[in-house]
Amino acid sequence: MKPDRYSIAAEIERLIDMLDQMEDDPDLELEPLEEQHDAESDLAWANGYAPDWFVIAERSRRKANGIH
């Protein structure tokens, strides 16, 4: 019999609960939504002007799709 998604998820939760009970200090704290040291801000622009890499990529995309 092939297990369904819900039974697999329930088994995973059961095993995680078992691990939490085995540890002295289970990791029950909430995780931050994003890592604080990620480089996403380097990919964005806040000055209102698109960086050169974006302009080049957008022009290529439009050319490939026949949009001018």
C-alpha atoms as a PDB file:
ATOM      1  CA  MET A   1       0.000   0.000   0.000  1.00  0.00           C
ATOM      2  CA  LYS A   2       1.414   3.373  -1.032  1.00  0.00           C
ATOM      3  CA  PRO A   3       1.321   5.927   1.807  1.00  0.00           C
ATOM      4  CA  ASP A   4      -0.465   9.190   1.104  1.00  0.00           C
ATOM      5  CA  ARG A   5       0.837  12.698   1.720  1.00  0.00           C
ATOM      6  CA  TYR A   6      -1.068  13.155   4.988  1.00  0.00           C
ATOM      7  CA  SER A   7       0.215   9.943   6.564  1.00  0.00           C
ATOM      8  CA  ILE A   8       3.797  10.851   5.588  1.00  0.00           C
ATOM      9  CA  ALA A   9       3.385  14.351   7.077  1.00  0.00           C
ATOM     10  CA  ALA A  10       1.921  12.877  10.269  1.00  0.00           C
ATOM     11  CA  GLU A  11       4.858  10.465  10.578  1.00  0.00           C
ATOM     12  CA  ILE A  12       7.360  13.296  10.097  1.00  0.00           C
ATOM     13  CA  GLU A  13       5.638  15.337  12.808  1.00  0.00           C
ATOM     14  CA  ARG A  14       5.654  12.309  15.120  1.00  0.00           C
ATOM     15  CA  LEU A  15       9.393  11.810  14.605  1.00  0.00           C
ATOM     16  CA  ILE A  16      10.145  15.502  15.141  1.00  0.00           C
ATOM     17  CA  ASP A  17       8.143  15.428  18.367  1.00  0.00           C
ATOM     18  CA  MET A  18      10.122  12.355  19.444  1.00  0.00           C
ATOM     19  CA  LEU A  19      13.410  14.178  18.793  1.00  0.00           C
ATOM     20  CA  ASP A  20      12.187  17.223  20.723  1.00  0.00           C
ATOM     21  CA  GLN A  21      11.360  15.025  23.707  1.00  0.00           C
ATOM     22  CA  MET A  22      14.799  13.363  23.600  1.00  0.00           C
ATOM     23  CA  GLU A  23      16.698  16.663  23.695  1.00  0.00           C
ATOM     24  CA  ASP A  24      17.133  18.647  26.874  1.00  0.00           C
ATOM     25  CA  ASP A  25      16.333  21.909  25.086  1.00  0.00           C
ATOM     26  CA  PRO A  26      14.094  21.378  22.080  1.00  0.00           C
ATOM     27  CA  ASP A  27      14.294  24.090  19.465  1.00  0.00           C
ATOM     28  CA  LEU A  28      10.832  25.517  19.888  1.00  0.00           C
ATOM     29  CA  GLU A  29      11.798  29.135  19.202  1.00  0.00           C
ATOM     30  CA  LEU A  30      10.423  30.757  16.082  1.00  0.00           C
ATOM     31  CA  GLU A  31      12.866  30.996  13.217  1.00  0.00           C
ATOM     32  CA  PRO A  32      13.391  34.389  11.564  1.00  0.00           C
ATOM     33  CA  LEU A  33      11.585  34.677   8.239  1.00  0.00           C
ATOM     34  CA  GLU A  34      14.854  35.342   6.414  1.00  0.00           C
ATOM     35  CA  GLU A  35      18.477  34.963   7.294  1.00  0.00           C
ATOM     36  CA  GLN A  36      19.875  38.294   8.407  1.00  0.00           C
ATOM     37  CA  HIS A  37      23.044  37.985   6.335  1.00  0.00           C
ATOM     38  CA  ASP A  38      21.492  37.164   2.978  1.00  0.00           C
ATOM     39  CA  ALA A  39      22.451  39.213  -0.056  1.00  0.00           C
ATOM     40  CA  GLU A  40      18.985  40.013  -1.370  1.00  0.00           C
ATOM     41  CA  SER A  41      19.361  43.719  -0.709  1.00  0.00           C
ATOM     42  CA  ASP A  42      22.321  43.725  -3.091  1.00  0.00           C
ATOM     43  CA  LEU A  43      19.990  42.650  -5.899  1.00  0.00           C
ATOM     44  CA  ALA A  44      17.501  45.452  -5.319  1.00  0.00           C
ATOM     45  CA  TRP A  45      17.787  49.138  -6.057  1.00  0.00           C
ATOM     46  CA  ALA A  46      16.500  51.867  -3.799  1.00  0.00           C
ATOM     47  CA  ASN A  47      17.492  54.946  -5.810  1.00  0.00           C
ATOM     48  CA  GLY A  48      14.777  54.551  -8.452  1.00  0.00           C
ATOM     49  CA  TYR A  49      17.162  53.590 -11.249  1.00  0.00           C
ATOM     50  CA  ALA A  50      17.512  50.049 -12.500  1.00  0.00           C
ATOM     51  CA  PRO A  51      21.086  48.719 -12.457  1.00  0.00           C
ATOM     52  CA  ASP A  52      22.817  47.947 -15.747  1.00  0.00           C
ATOM     53  CA  TRP A  53      22.541  44.168 -15.311  1.00  0.00           C
ATOM     54  CA  PHE A  54      18.753  44.471 -15.046  1.00  0.00           C
ATOM     55  CA  VAL A  55      18.416  46.756 -18.066  1.00  0.00           C
ATOM     56  CA  ILE A  56      20.479  44.386 -20.205  1.00  0.00           C
ATOM     57  CA  ALA A  57      18.481  41.350 -19.056  1.00  0.00           C
ATOM     58  CA  GLU A  58      15.156  43.120 -19.616  1.00  0.00           C
ATOM     59  CA  ARG A  59      16.143  44.251 -23.114  1.00  0.00           C
ATOM     60  CA  SER A  60      17.190  40.693 -23.969  1.00  0.00           C
ATOM     61  CA  ARG A  61      13.914  39.313 -22.615  1.00  0.00           C
ATOM     62  CA  ARG A  62      11.851  41.797 -24.605  1.00  0.00           C
ATOM     63  CA  LYS A  63      13.846  41.149 -27.767  1.00  0.00           C
ATOM     64  CA  ALA A  64      13.388  37.373 -27.377  1.00  0.00           C
ATOM     65  CA  ASN A  65       9.632  37.820 -26.877  1.00  0.00           C
ATOM     66  CA  GLY A  66       9.263  40.293 -29.755  1.00  0.00           C
ATOM     67  CA  ILE A  67       8.313  43.160 -27.439  1.00  0.00           C
ATOM     68  CA  HIS A  68       9.802  46.556 -28.242  1.00  0.00           C
END
